[in-house]
Amino acid sequence: MSKSTTAETATGPSLVDQKIAALNDWRGDMLSQIRKLINEVDPTVEEDCKWFKPTNPTGVPVWSNSGIICTGESYKAKVKLTFQKGAFLPDPSGLFNASLEGKQRRAIDIGEGETIDADTFKALIQAAIDLNNAPRK
């Protein structure tokens, strides 16, 4: 990665673009689809990549609105969407299928060839945004 495209010089959305392009397979396609759905719910969502390390030089995509909505980690066999406050979100359709034992986070693991119900996912994104923007007690 050249100096002009490192984390120090790139903007949030362009870092997400770089992450998707670097994957260059079904995982990039899935993250692109997830990104599109999130932006349909909130066109002003903040996008960035965080947690850069030698084994993951393009970082982890993060979508935020008054706090983290979710992250999009990519592994060899799955894309993991982790919701920071997932334990507090309604999930009547059972989208959450990972990290179910946590007291705060919940995740959705998506494998190659699997799909995600767009309307249900968008409702979950909206619920996360609403929770982030709710008055604090």
C-alpha atoms as a PDB file:
ATOM      1  CA  MET A   1       0.000   0.000   0.000  1.00  0.00           C
ATOM      2  CA  SER A   2       1.519   3.318  -1.005  1.00  0.00           C
ATOM      3  CA  LYS A   3       1.852   6.186   1.421  1.00  0.00           C
ATOM      4  CA  SER A   4      -1.001   8.067  -0.293  1.00  0.00           C
ATOM      5  CA  THR A   5      -3.435   5.269   0.552  1.00  0.00           C
ATOM      6  CA  THR A   6      -2.414   4.524   4.127  1.00  0.00           C
ATOM      7  CA  ALA A   7      -4.692   4.925   7.104  1.00  0.00           C
ATOM      8  CA  GLU A   8      -3.015   8.236   7.967  1.00  0.00           C
ATOM      9  CA  THR A   9      -4.006   9.907   4.693  1.00  0.00           C
ATOM     10  CA  ALA A  10      -7.213   8.246   3.504  1.00  0.00           C
ATOM     11  CA  THR A  11     -10.713   9.289   4.524  1.00  0.00           C
ATOM     12  CA  GLY A  12     -13.195   6.943   6.207  1.00  0.00           C
ATOM     13  CA  PRO A  13     -15.260   6.051   3.115  1.00  0.00           C
ATOM     14  CA  SER A  14     -12.158   5.601   0.976  1.00  0.00           C
ATOM     15  CA  LEU A  15     -10.715   3.250   3.603  1.00  0.00           C
ATOM     16  CA  VAL A  16     -13.865   1.143   3.349  1.00  0.00           C
ATOM     17  CA  ASP A  17     -13.516   1.240  -0.454  1.00  0.00           C
ATOM     18  CA  GLN A  18      -9.918   0.003  -0.085  1.00  0.00           C
ATOM     19  CA  LYS A  19     -10.966  -2.799   2.260  1.00  0.00           C
ATOM     20  CA  ILE A  20     -13.653  -4.030  -0.131  1.00  0.00           C
ATOM     21  CA  ALA A  21     -11.271  -3.841  -3.107  1.00  0.00           C
ATOM     22  CA  ALA A  22      -8.504  -5.646  -1.202  1.00  0.00           C
ATOM     23  CA  LEU A  23     -10.764  -8.613  -0.485  1.00  0.00           C
ATOM     24  CA  ASN A  24     -11.520  -9.071  -4.214  1.00  0.00           C
ATOM     25  CA  ASP A  25     -13.836 -12.050  -3.616  1.00  0.00           C
ATOM     26  CA  TRP A  26     -17.273 -12.922  -2.213  1.00  0.00           C
ATOM     27  CA  ARG A  27     -16.385 -11.280   1.120  1.00  0.00           C
ATOM     28  CA  GLY A  28     -15.822  -7.937  -0.594  1.00  0.00           C
ATOM     29  CA  ASP A  29     -19.104  -8.374  -2.456  1.00  0.00           C
ATOM     30  CA  MET A  30     -20.899  -9.103   0.831  1.00  0.00           C
ATOM     31  CA  LEU A  31     -19.363  -6.092   2.592  1.00  0.00           C
ATOM     32  CA  SER A  32     -20.350  -3.952  -0.384  1.00  0.00           C
ATOM     33  CA  GLN A  33     -23.935  -5.214  -0.141  1.00  0.00           C
ATOM     34  CA  ILE A  34     -24.011  -4.611   3.626  1.00  0.00           C
ATOM     35  CA  ARG A  35     -22.633  -1.115   3.113  1.00  0.00           C
ATOM     36  CA  LYS A  36     -25.346  -0.364   0.553  1.00  0.00           C
ATOM     37  CA  LEU A  37     -28.097  -1.533   2.923  1.00  0.00           C
ATOM     38  CA  ILE A  38     -26.707   0.522   5.810  1.00  0.00           C
ATOM     39  CA  ASN A  39     -26.555   3.611   3.585  1.00  0.00           C
ATOM     40  CA  GLU A  40     -30.156   3.045   2.470  1.00  0.00           C
ATOM     41  CA  VAL A  41     -31.195   3.277   6.121  1.00  0.00           C
ATOM     42  CA  ASP A  42     -28.926   6.231   6.935  1.00  0.00           C
ATOM     43  CA  PRO A  43     -27.259   8.067   4.046  1.00  0.00           C
ATOM     44  CA  THR A  44     -25.342  10.188   6.598  1.00  0.00           C
ATOM     45  CA  VAL A  45     -23.816   7.207   8.415  1.00  0.00           C
ATOM     46  CA  GLU A  46     -20.154   7.633   9.302  1.00  0.00           C
ATOM     47  CA  GLU A  47     -17.863   5.057   7.694  1.00  0.00           C
ATOM     48  CA  ASP A  48     -14.320   4.324   8.719  1.00  0.00           C
ATOM     49  CA  CYS A  49     -11.831   1.511   9.157  1.00  0.00           C
ATOM     50  CA  LYS A  50     -10.198   0.845  12.515  1.00  0.00           C
ATOM     51  CA  TRP A  51      -7.924  -1.659  14.197  1.00  0.00           C
ATOM     52  CA  PHE A  52      -5.136  -1.843  11.610  1.00  0.00           C
ATOM     53  CA  LYS A  53      -2.439  -4.451  12.207  1.00  0.00           C
ATOM     54  CA  PRO A  54       0.143  -6.319  10.124  1.00  0.00           C
ATOM     55  CA  THR A  55      -2.212  -9.261   9.615  1.00  0.00           C
ATOM     56  CA  ASN A  56      -5.059  -6.898   8.622  1.00  0.00           C
ATOM     57  CA  PRO A  57      -3.464  -3.817   7.007  1.00  0.00           C
ATOM     58  CA  THR A  58      -6.767  -2.523   5.605  1.00  0.00           C
ATOM     59  CA  GLY A  59      -8.468  -2.634   9.018  1.00  0.00           C
ATOM     60  CA  VAL A  60     -12.077  -3.371   9.928  1.00  0.00           C
ATOM     61  CA  PRO A  61     -14.963  -1.360   8.436  1.00  0.00           C
ATOM     62  CA  VAL A  62     -16.995   0.458  11.088  1.00  0.00           C
ATOM     63  CA  TRP A  63     -20.362   2.159  10.597  1.00  0.00           C
ATOM     64  CA  SER A  64     -21.435   4.734  13.195  1.00  0.00           C
ATOM     65  CA  ASN A  65     -24.213   7.135  14.089  1.00  0.00           C
ATOM     66  CA  SER A  66     -23.858   8.594  17.598  1.00  0.00           C
ATOM     67  CA  GLY A  67     -21.799   5.499  18.394  1.00  0.00           C
ATOM     68  CA  ILE A  68     -20.868   2.295  16.619  1.00  0.00           C
ATOM     69  CA  ILE A  69     -23.746   0.606  14.785  1.00  0.00           C
ATOM     70  CA  CYS A  70     -21.762  -2.395  13.581  1.00  0.00           C
ATOM     71  CA  THR A  71     -18.405  -3.564  12.303  1.00  0.00           C
ATOM     72  CA  GLY A  72     -17.713  -5.738   9.268  1.00  0.00           C
ATOM     73  CA  GLU A  73     -14.901  -8.172   9.918  1.00  0.00           C
ATOM     74  CA  SER A  74     -13.754 -10.522   7.186  1.00  0.00           C
ATOM     75  CA  TYR A  75     -12.367 -13.974   7.834  1.00  0.00           C
ATOM     76  CA  LYS A  76     -11.406 -16.727   5.429  1.00  0.00           C
ATOM     77  CA  ALA A  77     -14.796 -18.471   5.587  1.00  0.00           C
ATOM     78  CA  LYS A  78     -17.151 -15.709   6.768  1.00  0.00           C
ATOM     79  CA  VAL A  79     -18.031 -12.075   7.101  1.00  0.00           C
ATOM     80  CA  LYS A  80     -18.899 -11.191  10.697  1.00  0.00           C
ATOM     81  CA  LEU A  81     -21.151  -8.215  11.377  1.00  0.00           C
ATOM     82  CA  THR A  82     -20.785  -7.328  15.038  1.00  0.00           C
ATOM     83  CA  PHE A  83     -23.315  -5.002  16.639  1.00  0.00           C
ATOM     84  CA  GLN A  84     -21.813  -3.145  19.585  1.00  0.00           C
ATOM     85  CA  LYS A  85     -25.130  -3.091  21.500  1.00  0.00           C
ATOM     86  CA  GLY A  86     -26.724  -6.108  19.847  1.00  0.00           C
ATOM     87  CA  ALA A  87     -27.908  -7.650  23.121  1.00  0.00           C
ATOM     88  CA  PHE A  88     -30.251  -4.674  23.527  1.00  0.00           C
ATOM     89  CA  LEU A  89     -31.754  -4.828  20.025  1.00  0.00           C
ATOM     90  CA  PRO A  90     -34.934  -6.610  19.007  1.00  0.00           C
ATOM     91  CA  ASP A  91     -34.180  -9.583  16.750  1.00  0.00           C
ATOM     92  CA  PRO A  92     -37.500 -11.368  16.181  1.00  0.00           C
ATOM     93  CA  SER A  93     -36.277 -12.939  12.922  1.00  0.00           C
ATOM     94  CA  GLY A  94     -33.141 -14.382  14.537  1.00  0.00           C
ATOM     95  CA  LEU A  95     -30.533 -12.677  12.376  1.00  0.00           C
ATOM     96  CA  PHE A  96     -28.011 -12.833  15.202  1.00  0.00           C
ATOM     97  CA  ASN A  97     -26.289 -16.202  15.007  1.00  0.00           C
ATOM     98  CA  ALA A  98     -22.961 -15.569  16.756  1.00  0.00           C
ATOM     99  CA  SER A  99     -21.637 -14.060  19.991  1.00  0.00           C
ATOM    100  CA  LEU A 100     -24.991 -14.840  21.573  1.00  0.00           C
ATOM    101  CA  GLU A 101     -23.523 -15.410  25.031  1.00  0.00           C
ATOM    102  CA  GLY A 102     -22.211 -11.840  25.397  1.00  0.00           C
ATOM    103  CA  LYS A 103     -23.806  -9.280  27.663  1.00  0.00           C
ATOM    104  CA  GLN A 104     -23.509  -6.493  25.080  1.00  0.00           C
ATOM    105  CA  ARG A 105     -22.475  -7.569  21.570  1.00  0.00           C
ATOM    106  CA  ARG A 106     -24.237  -9.809  19.079  1.00  0.00           C
ATOM    107  CA  ALA A 107     -23.044 -10.816  15.629  1.00  0.00           C
ATOM    108  CA  ILE A 108     -24.233 -12.136  12.306  1.00  0.00           C
ATOM    109  CA  ASP A 109     -21.887 -14.610  10.610  1.00  0.00           C
ATOM    110  CA  ILE A 110     -22.390 -14.883   6.855  1.00  0.00           C
ATOM    111  CA  GLY A 111     -20.662 -17.631   4.899  1.00  0.00           C
ATOM    112  CA  GLU A 112     -19.969 -17.868   1.191  1.00  0.00           C
ATOM    113  CA  GLY A 113     -23.180 -18.362  -0.776  1.00  0.00           C
ATOM    114  CA  GLU A 114     -25.389 -17.238   2.102  1.00  0.00           C
ATOM    115  CA  THR A 115     -27.658 -14.221   1.862  1.00  0.00           C
ATOM    116  CA  ILE A 116     -29.088 -11.768   4.342  1.00  0.00           C
ATOM    117  CA  ASP A 117     -32.703 -10.630   4.301  1.00  0.00           C
ATOM    118  CA  ALA A 118     -32.421  -6.967   3.305  1.00  0.00           C
ATOM    119  CA  ASP A 119     -35.565  -5.696   5.016  1.00  0.00           C
ATOM    120  CA  THR A 120     -34.859  -7.505   8.280  1.00  0.00           C
ATOM    121  CA  PHE A 121     -31.246  -6.336   8.273  1.00  0.00           C
ATOM    122  CA  LYS A 122     -32.281  -2.742   7.585  1.00  0.00           C
ATOM    123  CA  ALA A 123     -34.742  -2.887  10.499  1.00  0.00           C
ATOM    124  CA  LEU A 124     -31.889  -4.069  12.740  1.00  0.00           C
ATOM    125  CA  ILE A 125     -29.673  -1.215  11.526  1.00  0.00           C
ATOM    126  CA  GLN A 126     -32.464   1.291  12.253  1.00  0.00           C
ATOM    127  CA  ALA A 127     -32.954  -0.165  15.729  1.00  0.00           C
ATOM    128  CA  ALA A 128     -29.203   0.199  16.413  1.00  0.00           C
ATOM    129  CA  ILE A 129     -29.266   3.824  15.247  1.00  0.00           C
ATOM    130  CA  ASP A 130     -32.346   4.538  17.376  1.00  0.00           C
ATOM    131  CA  LEU A 131     -30.671   2.979  20.416  1.00  0.00           C
ATOM    132  CA  ASN A 132     -27.507   5.028  19.883  1.00  0.00           C
ATOM    133  CA  ASN A 133     -29.576   8.209  19.662  1.00  0.00           C
ATOM    134  CA  ALA A 134     -31.924   7.452  22.562  1.00  0.00           C
ATOM    135  CA  PRO A 135     -31.662   9.757  25.600  1.00  0.00           C
ATOM    136  CA  ARG A 136     -29.301   8.373  28.218  1.00  0.00           C
ATOM    137  CA  LYS A 137     -30.801   7.482  31.594  1.00  0.00           C
END
